[in-house]
Amino acid sequence: MPSHALFASYRRLFAAPGTAAFTLAGLLGRLALSMTGVSLVVLIAERRGSYALAGTVAAAGLATGAIGMPLLGRLVDRYGQARVTVPATLYNAVPLLCLLLCVRLGAPDWTLYACWAAGAAAPNLGGMARARWAHLYRADPAARHLANSFEQSLDELCFMAGPVLGMLLCTTVAPEAGLLTAGTIGTTGALLFAAQRRTEPPLTGLSPQGRQGSPLRVPGLRVLVLTFLATGAVFGSMEITTVAYADALGHKPVAGGLLALVAAGSCVAGLLFGLLAPRGAPGKRFLRGVAAMAALLLLPLAAGLGGAGLGLLGVALFAAGTGTAPTMVTGMTLIQELLPQRQLNEGMAVAVSGIVVGISAGAALAGTVAEHASPGTGYVLPAGAAVLALLIALAGRRHLTGSRALGNSERTVGVAR
């Protein structure tokens, strides 16, 4: 498809006033988020001389983020995006500055854990952006599908550019420059996002029973979260395994480019997937997406076990990346179908937390395999995690492909009021 046709297809999303403004603001926030991981590791490794310390500090942040993100999502659903995002963003800037000071002044290691854990639960701008699209195009499923595909491609774009920018700043300016820039960009983007009030979804109040309850009470969401957890393990194990494989071949600096190919494949697939007219129920599309992801992840496995060079591995990783975006896009669409609007932000935050936990577990397992097995063996992990995701989705398919959840009908009533 020509680029001008692709642009025209997505341009219709921005016909609604204010959509470009919240998209650009959210893009800044997500770019900052994608910079923080590598910036933190480089900073601590450079100033404290320990990758082990850097890794465990990062893990502490992932743990608190997985807990805090759904709690913030619940507050957003109850009080609104702006009323929660502004104080949460300003609060998160304080522990970040404290961590930079602690590293600079040589404070004890425990202060690094405390600071990073205290500020890791940032507002989920990606989820809030998807909630805005879901509200704006609540009567247009095709536009929601296009918007979810666009958001997934933006995520992949950020995770291609963010680590590169963070590494560049840390190595050419100062070890603190990556985190400092990420904090500045992230705070600015989140505050600008919160300022876009005309596209903010309205509050719909509590459930008819008067209790909010957890979105995990919806069986379909439980299936999705477990599937996303396994998908997160795909991401985490793929990253560590690729770095270890490139290092074993004596080309460790190339690992960043190889991982960018995975994200590039997902980005391209996401944009093209959005142009396809949705066929069948979202649950069935989700099952097909997970199956395709599992099949495509056999390519880097074959390349790794076969001792392929970095060129062939790069092709395999790009192809494997094309399987993740359709899965994530349809998964987010399913969440919008299963949950009422009053729980949409919390539900998407819970799903993202599942991914975060999976990334952490996959990275830890892949690190162990990389130390004790031959290069390429680690690609068994992302392939196996994708198969596990498929088995989970198949086991819970009746909750994904059956009749639409009660929450969706509640959402329609809420909007009508």
Protein backbone atom coordinates (compact mmCIF):
# COMPACT_ATOMS: atom_id res chain seq x y z
CA MET A 1 0.00 0.00 0.00
CA PRO A 2 1.38 3.46 -0.91
CA SER A 3 2.35 5.64 2.04
CA HIS A 4 -0.14 8.38 1.12
CA ALA A 5 -2.99 5.85 1.20
CA LEU A 6 -1.83 4.58 4.57
CA PHE A 7 -1.69 8.14 5.89
CA ALA A 8 -5.16 8.90 4.55
CA SER A 9 -6.62 5.85 6.22
CA TYR A 10 -5.34 6.86 9.65
CA ARG A 11 -6.01 10.56 9.15
CA ARG A 12 -9.72 10.00 9.63
CA LEU A 13 -9.08 9.14 13.27
CA PHE A 14 -8.09 12.75 13.87
CA ALA A 15 -11.28 14.28 12.52
CA ALA A 16 -12.52 14.60 16.11
CA PRO A 17 -11.26 17.83 17.75
CA GLY A 18 -8.44 17.42 20.26
CA THR A 19 -7.31 13.96 19.14
CA ALA A 20 -3.98 15.14 17.72
CA ALA A 21 -3.19 17.05 20.93
CA PHE A 22 -3.71 14.15 23.34
CA THR A 23 -1.93 11.74 20.97
CA LEU A 24 1.22 13.89 20.76
CA ALA A 25 1.22 14.52 24.51
CA GLY A 26 0.80 10.82 25.25
CA LEU A 27 3.59 10.02 22.78
CA LEU A 28 5.99 12.16 24.81
CA GLY A 29 5.07 10.32 28.00
CA ARG A 30 5.50 6.89 26.44
CA LEU A 31 8.82 7.84 24.86
CA ALA A 32 10.05 8.79 28.33
CA LEU A 33 8.86 5.47 29.75
CA SER A 34 10.76 3.52 27.09
CA MET A 35 13.95 5.46 27.94
CA THR A 36 13.96 4.79 31.67
CA GLY A 37 14.96 1.11 31.74
CA VAL A 38 18.23 1.37 29.84
CA SER A 39 18.98 4.80 31.35
CA LEU A 40 18.66 3.41 34.88
CA VAL A 41 20.88 0.42 34.15
CA VAL A 42 23.60 2.51 32.49
CA LEU A 43 23.52 5.10 35.29
CA ILE A 44 23.91 2.61 38.15
CA ALA A 45 26.41 0.43 36.28
CA GLU A 46 28.55 3.48 35.51
CA ARG A 47 28.37 5.18 38.90
CA ARG A 48 28.29 2.06 41.12
CA GLY A 49 30.09 -0.43 38.86
CA SER A 50 27.47 -3.18 39.24
CA TYR A 51 25.09 -4.53 36.65
CA ALA A 52 23.66 -6.84 39.32
CA LEU A 53 22.67 -3.85 41.45
CA ALA A 54 21.21 -2.10 38.41
CA GLY A 55 19.14 -5.16 37.52
CA THR A 56 17.71 -5.68 40.97
CA VAL A 57 16.86 -1.98 41.37
CA ALA A 58 15.04 -2.12 38.03
CA ALA A 59 13.20 -5.27 39.16
CA ALA A 60 12.05 -3.51 42.33
CA GLY A 61 10.53 -0.78 40.19
CA LEU A 62 8.76 -3.31 37.96
CA ALA A 63 7.26 -4.99 41.03
CA THR A 64 5.84 -1.78 42.50
CA GLY A 65 4.72 -0.64 39.06
CA ALA A 66 2.76 -3.86 38.53
CA ILE A 67 0.95 -3.23 41.82
CA GLY A 68 0.56 0.53 41.58
CA MET A 69 -0.59 0.84 37.99
CA PRO A 70 -3.97 -0.91 38.50
CA LEU A 71 -4.56 1.14 41.66
CA LEU A 72 -3.98 4.33 39.71
CA GLY A 73 -6.25 2.98 36.98
CA ARG A 74 -9.03 2.50 39.53
CA LEU A 75 -8.58 6.08 40.75
CA VAL A 76 -8.72 7.32 37.15
CA ASP A 77 -12.00 5.49 36.57
CA ARG A 78 -13.44 6.95 39.76
CA TYR A 79 -12.15 10.54 39.66
CA GLY A 80 -11.17 11.17 36.04
CA GLN A 81 -7.93 11.19 34.08
CA ALA A 82 -6.83 14.77 34.78
CA ARG A 83 -7.56 14.74 38.52
CA VAL A 84 -5.36 11.66 39.00
CA THR A 85 -2.67 12.19 36.35
CA VAL A 86 -1.53 15.64 37.52
CA PRO A 87 -0.79 14.80 41.20
CA ALA A 88 0.58 11.35 40.32
CA THR A 89 2.96 12.84 37.75
CA LEU A 90 4.20 15.57 40.09
CA TYR A 91 4.67 13.03 42.86
CA ASN A 92 6.67 10.65 40.64
CA ALA A 93 9.14 13.41 39.78
CA VAL A 94 10.27 13.59 43.44
CA PRO A 95 11.59 9.99 43.87
CA LEU A 96 13.29 10.26 40.47
CA LEU A 97 15.21 13.37 41.53
CA CYS A 98 16.01 11.73 44.86
CA LEU A 99 17.45 8.68 43.08
CA LEU A 100 19.68 10.88 40.91
CA LEU A 101 20.93 12.67 44.03
CA CYS A 102 21.51 9.40 45.90
CA VAL A 103 23.57 8.00 43.04
CA ARG A 104 25.52 11.22 42.68
CA LEU A 105 26.24 11.58 46.41
CA GLY A 106 27.15 7.93 46.96
CA ALA A 107 24.23 7.10 49.26
CA PRO A 108 23.78 3.47 50.44
CA ASP A 109 22.38 0.98 47.94
CA TRP A 110 19.10 0.59 49.83
CA THR A 111 18.24 4.22 49.03
CA LEU A 112 18.29 3.40 45.32
CA TYR A 113 15.77 0.59 45.84
CA ALA A 114 13.56 2.85 47.96
CA CYS A 115 13.60 5.74 45.48
CA TRP A 116 12.99 3.66 42.37
CA ALA A 117 10.26 1.58 43.99
CA ALA A 118 8.54 4.70 45.34
CA GLY A 119 8.26 6.35 41.94
CA ALA A 120 7.67 3.43 39.61
CA ALA A 121 3.85 3.51 39.50
CA ALA A 122 3.40 6.12 36.76
CA PRO A 123 0.04 6.87 35.13
CA ASN A 124 -0.70 4.51 32.23
CA LEU A 125 -0.90 7.06 29.40
CA GLY A 126 -1.23 4.35 26.76
CA GLY A 127 -4.28 2.91 28.51
CA MET A 128 -5.80 6.35 29.02
CA ALA A 129 -5.29 7.20 25.35
CA ARG A 130 -7.05 3.98 24.34
CA ALA A 131 -9.89 4.83 26.73
CA ARG A 132 -10.29 8.17 24.97
CA TRP A 133 -10.45 6.53 21.56
CA ALA A 134 -12.95 3.98 22.89
CA HIS A 135 -15.19 6.80 24.13
CA LEU A 136 -14.85 8.97 21.02
CA TYR A 137 -15.63 6.09 18.66
CA ARG A 138 -17.89 4.03 20.94
CA ALA A 139 -20.43 3.63 18.11
CA ASP A 140 -17.85 2.81 15.42
CA PRO A 141 -16.09 -0.58 15.92
CA ALA A 142 -14.01 -0.15 12.75
CA ALA A 143 -12.62 3.17 13.99
CA ARG A 144 -11.85 1.66 17.41
CA HIS A 145 -9.96 -1.16 15.69
CA LEU A 146 -8.00 1.41 13.66
CA ALA A 147 -7.27 3.46 16.79
CA ASN A 148 -6.07 0.45 18.79
CA SER A 149 -3.78 -0.54 15.90
CA PHE A 150 -2.41 3.00 15.75
CA GLU A 151 -1.76 3.06 19.50
CA GLN A 152 0.06 -0.27 19.37
CA SER A 153 2.26 1.03 16.56
CA LEU A 154 3.06 4.12 18.63
CA ASP A 155 4.08 1.86 21.52
CA GLU A 156 6.44 -0.05 19.24
CA LEU A 157 7.82 3.18 17.78
CA CYS A 158 8.63 4.44 21.27
CA PHE A 159 10.33 1.19 22.23
CA MET A 160 12.48 1.44 19.12
CA ALA A 161 13.54 5.05 19.68
CA GLY A 162 13.51 5.33 23.48
CA PRO A 163 16.34 2.93 24.41
CA VAL A 164 18.53 4.32 21.62
CA LEU A 165 17.97 7.90 22.81
CA GLY A 166 18.53 6.95 26.45
CA MET A 167 21.78 5.13 25.64
CA LEU A 168 22.99 8.02 23.49
CA LEU A 169 22.39 10.58 26.24
CA CYS A 170 23.97 8.42 28.94
CA THR A 171 27.11 7.68 26.93
CA THR A 172 27.70 11.04 25.20
CA VAL A 173 26.46 13.60 27.74
CA ALA A 174 26.52 12.10 31.24
CA PRO A 175 25.26 8.91 32.90
CA GLU A 176 22.49 10.95 34.57
CA ALA A 177 21.35 12.58 31.31
CA GLY A 178 19.09 9.72 30.19
CA LEU A 179 16.97 9.59 33.34
CA LEU A 180 16.92 13.36 33.72
CA THR A 181 15.70 13.80 30.14
CA ALA A 182 13.16 11.00 30.52
CA GLY A 183 11.81 12.58 33.70
CA THR A 184 11.50 15.99 32.04
CA ILE A 185 9.85 14.65 28.88
CA GLY A 186 7.58 12.30 30.82
CA THR A 187 6.37 14.98 33.24
CA THR A 188 5.76 17.45 30.42
CA GLY A 189 3.91 14.90 28.30
CA ALA A 190 1.71 13.67 31.15
CA LEU A 191 0.73 17.20 32.21
CA LEU A 192 -0.04 18.19 28.62
CA PHE A 193 -2.09 15.01 28.23
CA ALA A 194 -4.09 15.81 31.36
CA ALA A 195 -4.73 19.32 30.06
CA GLN A 196 -6.68 17.96 27.06
CA ARG A 197 -10.00 17.97 28.86
CA ARG A 198 -12.40 17.99 25.91
CA THR A 199 -11.42 14.46 24.85
CA GLU A 200 -11.40 13.06 28.40
CA PRO A 201 -14.04 10.34 28.87
CA PRO A 202 -16.82 11.38 31.24
CA LEU A 203 -17.25 9.65 34.59
CA THR A 204 -20.06 7.10 34.60
CA GLY A 205 -20.30 6.52 38.35
CA LEU A 206 -20.44 3.26 40.29
CA SER A 207 -22.09 0.07 39.15
CA PRO A 208 -25.86 -0.31 39.57
CA GLN A 209 -25.15 -2.43 42.66
CA GLY A 210 -23.24 0.49 44.19
CA ARG A 211 -19.93 -1.39 44.41
CA GLN A 212 -17.03 -1.05 42.02
CA GLY A 213 -15.45 -4.48 42.48
CA SER A 214 -12.37 -5.68 40.63
CA PRO A 215 -12.45 -6.00 36.83
CA LEU A 216 -10.79 -9.38 37.36
CA ARG A 217 -14.21 -10.65 38.41
CA VAL A 218 -14.90 -10.80 34.65
CA PRO A 219 -13.67 -14.27 33.54
CA GLY A 220 -12.61 -13.04 30.12
CA LEU A 221 -10.26 -10.48 31.62
CA ARG A 222 -8.63 -13.14 33.77
CA VAL A 223 -7.93 -15.17 30.65
CA LEU A 224 -6.51 -12.10 28.90
CA VAL A 225 -4.26 -11.16 31.82
CA LEU A 226 -2.78 -14.67 32.00
CA THR A 227 -2.29 -14.66 28.24
CA PHE A 228 -0.62 -11.24 28.43
CA LEU A 229 1.61 -12.47 31.26
CA ALA A 230 2.89 -15.24 28.98
CA THR A 231 3.23 -12.69 26.16
CA GLY A 232 5.30 -10.49 28.47
CA ALA A 233 7.59 -13.47 29.06
CA VAL A 234 8.04 -13.59 25.28
CA PHE A 235 9.27 -9.98 25.30
CA GLY A 236 11.52 -10.32 28.35
CA SER A 237 13.18 -13.57 27.29
CA MET A 238 13.59 -12.40 23.68
CA GLU A 239 15.50 -9.30 24.81
CA ILE A 240 17.98 -11.08 27.09
CA THR A 241 18.47 -14.01 24.72
CA THR A 242 19.19 -11.72 21.76
CA VAL A 243 21.74 -9.70 23.74
CA ALA A 244 23.44 -12.92 24.88
CA TYR A 245 23.46 -14.38 21.35
CA ALA A 246 24.98 -11.25 19.81
CA ASP A 247 27.55 -11.13 22.62
CA ALA A 248 28.50 -14.77 22.02
CA LEU A 249 29.19 -13.92 18.37
CA GLY A 250 31.35 -10.98 19.43
CA HIS A 251 28.89 -8.29 18.29
CA LYS A 252 27.13 -7.20 21.47
CA PRO A 253 26.55 -3.57 20.27
CA VAL A 254 24.43 -4.98 17.42
CA ALA A 255 21.91 -6.38 19.92
CA GLY A 256 20.08 -3.05 20.15
CA GLY A 257 19.55 -3.03 16.39
CA LEU A 258 18.30 -6.61 16.43
CA LEU A 259 15.76 -5.79 19.13
CA ALA A 260 14.72 -2.71 17.15
CA LEU A 261 13.90 -5.06 14.26
CA VAL A 262 11.44 -6.93 16.49
CA ALA A 263 9.72 -3.66 17.37
CA ALA A 264 9.84 -2.53 13.72
CA GLY A 265 8.11 -5.69 12.61
CA SER A 266 5.42 -5.19 15.22
CA CYS A 267 5.03 -1.51 14.29
CA VAL A 268 4.57 -2.24 10.59
CA ALA A 269 2.20 -5.13 11.32
CA GLY A 270 0.16 -2.93 13.65
CA LEU A 271 -0.30 -0.21 11.04
CA LEU A 272 -1.27 -2.69 8.31
CA PHE A 273 -3.51 -4.69 10.66
CA GLY A 274 -5.50 -1.55 11.39
CA LEU A 275 -6.40 -1.22 7.72
CA LEU A 276 -7.98 -4.67 7.60
CA ALA A 277 -11.69 -4.79 8.21
CA PRO A 278 -12.30 -6.77 11.44
CA ARG A 279 -13.80 -10.17 10.63
CA GLY A 280 -15.56 -12.25 13.24
CA ALA A 281 -15.83 -11.69 16.97
CA PRO A 282 -12.82 -10.13 18.75
CA GLY A 283 -12.34 -13.29 20.80
CA LYS A 284 -11.88 -15.45 17.72
CA ARG A 285 -9.55 -12.86 16.17
CA PHE A 286 -7.53 -12.91 19.40
CA LEU A 287 -7.12 -16.69 19.24
CA ARG A 288 -5.92 -16.44 15.64
CA GLY A 289 -3.48 -13.71 16.62
CA VAL A 290 -1.95 -15.72 19.48
CA ALA A 291 -1.66 -18.76 17.22
CA ALA A 292 0.14 -16.70 14.56
CA MET A 293 2.48 -15.26 17.20
CA ALA A 294 3.38 -18.74 18.42
CA ALA A 295 4.05 -19.95 14.87
CA LEU A 296 6.23 -16.97 13.90
CA LEU A 297 8.36 -17.29 17.04
CA LEU A 298 9.59 -20.62 15.70
CA LEU A 299 11.68 -18.63 13.19
CA PRO A 300 14.18 -17.09 15.66
CA LEU A 301 14.22 -20.43 17.49
CA ALA A 302 15.29 -22.19 14.29
CA ALA A 303 17.85 -19.47 13.54
CA GLY A 304 19.29 -19.59 17.07
CA LEU A 305 19.51 -23.37 17.34
CA GLY A 306 20.92 -23.53 13.82
CA GLY A 307 23.74 -21.13 14.66
CA ALA A 308 22.61 -18.57 12.08
CA GLY A 309 24.51 -15.35 11.60
CA LEU A 310 23.19 -12.00 12.78
CA GLY A 311 21.78 -11.11 9.35
CA LEU A 312 19.54 -14.16 9.13
CA LEU A 313 18.61 -13.80 12.80
CA GLY A 314 17.58 -10.19 12.15
CA VAL A 315 15.21 -11.30 9.39
CA ALA A 316 13.73 -13.95 11.69
CA LEU A 317 13.28 -11.43 14.52
CA PHE A 318 11.55 -8.92 12.22
CA ALA A 319 9.17 -11.64 11.02
CA ALA A 320 8.53 -12.78 14.61
CA GLY A 321 7.72 -9.20 15.60
CA THR A 322 4.88 -9.06 13.08
CA GLY A 323 2.94 -11.56 15.18
CA THR A 324 2.78 -9.52 18.38
CA ALA A 325 0.95 -6.36 17.29
CA PRO A 326 -2.26 -8.05 16.01
CA THR A 327 -2.41 -10.03 19.27
CA MET A 328 -2.02 -6.92 21.44
CA VAL A 329 -4.41 -4.84 19.33
CA THR A 330 -7.18 -7.43 19.47
CA GLY A 331 -6.53 -8.03 23.17
CA MET A 332 -7.09 -4.35 23.97
CA THR A 333 -10.21 -4.37 21.80
CA LEU A 334 -11.48 -7.34 23.81
CA ILE A 335 -10.94 -5.48 27.07
CA GLN A 336 -13.05 -2.63 25.71
CA GLU A 337 -15.76 -5.16 24.84
CA LEU A 338 -15.67 -7.05 28.13
CA LEU A 339 -15.61 -4.15 30.58
CA PRO A 340 -17.90 -1.20 31.20
CA GLN A 341 -16.44 2.25 30.65
CA ARG A 342 -16.37 2.85 34.43
CA GLN A 343 -13.65 0.15 34.73
CA LEU A 344 -11.83 0.57 31.43
CA ASN A 345 -8.69 2.31 32.72
CA GLU A 346 -8.27 -0.13 35.60
CA GLY A 347 -8.83 -3.12 33.32
CA MET A 348 -6.20 -2.01 30.82
CA ALA A 349 -3.78 -1.21 33.65
CA VAL A 350 -4.27 -4.73 35.03
CA ALA A 351 -3.50 -6.15 31.58
CA VAL A 352 -0.34 -4.04 31.28
CA SER A 353 0.72 -5.15 34.76
CA GLY A 354 0.43 -8.75 33.59
CA ILE A 355 2.78 -7.93 30.71
CA VAL A 356 5.23 -6.22 33.09
CA VAL A 357 5.33 -9.23 35.42
CA GLY A 358 5.83 -11.52 32.42
CA ILE A 359 8.70 -9.39 31.11
CA SER A 360 10.43 -9.54 34.48
CA ALA A 361 10.00 -13.31 34.81
CA GLY A 362 11.03 -13.97 31.21
CA ALA A 363 14.15 -11.81 31.52
CA ALA A 364 15.21 -13.53 34.75
CA LEU A 365 14.73 -17.01 33.28
CA ALA A 366 16.51 -16.09 30.05
CA GLY A 367 19.47 -14.72 32.02
CA THR A 368 19.86 -18.05 33.79
CA VAL A 369 19.64 -20.00 30.52
CA ALA A 370 22.16 -17.67 28.85
CA GLU A 371 24.72 -18.40 31.57
CA HIS A 372 24.36 -22.18 31.51
CA ALA A 373 23.43 -23.10 27.93
CA SER A 374 24.88 -22.68 24.46
CA PRO A 375 24.08 -19.53 22.43
CA GLY A 376 20.70 -19.72 20.76
CA THR A 377 19.21 -22.17 23.25
CA GLY A 378 17.47 -19.27 24.99
CA TYR A 379 15.15 -18.81 22.00
CA VAL A 380 13.30 -21.85 23.30
CA LEU A 381 11.90 -19.54 26.00
CA PRO A 382 10.02 -16.98 23.84
CA ALA A 383 8.73 -19.77 21.62
CA GLY A 384 7.62 -21.76 24.65
CA ALA A 385 6.02 -18.70 26.27
CA ALA A 386 4.05 -18.03 23.09
CA VAL A 387 2.81 -21.63 23.05
CA LEU A 388 1.82 -21.22 26.70
CA ALA A 389 -0.10 -18.04 25.79
CA LEU A 390 -1.93 -19.99 23.08
CA LEU A 391 -2.80 -22.83 25.46
CA ILE A 392 -4.15 -20.35 28.03
CA ALA A 393 -6.25 -18.59 25.40
CA LEU A 394 -7.61 -21.89 24.10
CA ALA A 395 -8.43 -23.10 27.61
CA GLY A 396 -10.42 -19.93 28.29
CA ARG A 397 -11.84 -19.45 24.82
CA ARG A 398 -15.46 -19.76 25.96
CA HIS A 399 -14.94 -16.63 28.05
CA LEU A 400 -13.47 -14.79 25.06
CA THR A 401 -15.69 -15.98 22.23
CA GLY A 402 -19.02 -16.38 24.03
CA SER A 403 -21.75 -13.81 24.53
CA ARG A 404 -20.58 -10.28 25.29
CA ALA A 405 -20.06 -9.40 28.92
CA LEU A 406 -22.67 -7.61 31.00
CA GLY A 407 -20.17 -4.80 31.46
CA ASN A 408 -20.40 -3.89 27.78
CA SER A 409 -24.16 -3.39 27.97
CA GLU A 410 -23.67 -1.31 31.11
CA ARG A 411 -21.23 0.85 29.19
CA THR A 412 -23.81 1.52 26.50
CA VAL A 413 -26.40 2.48 29.08
CA GLY A 414 -23.91 4.71 30.86
CA VAL A 415 -23.10 6.58 27.66
CA ALA A 416 -26.75 6.97 26.80
CA ARG A 417 -27.41 8.65 30.12
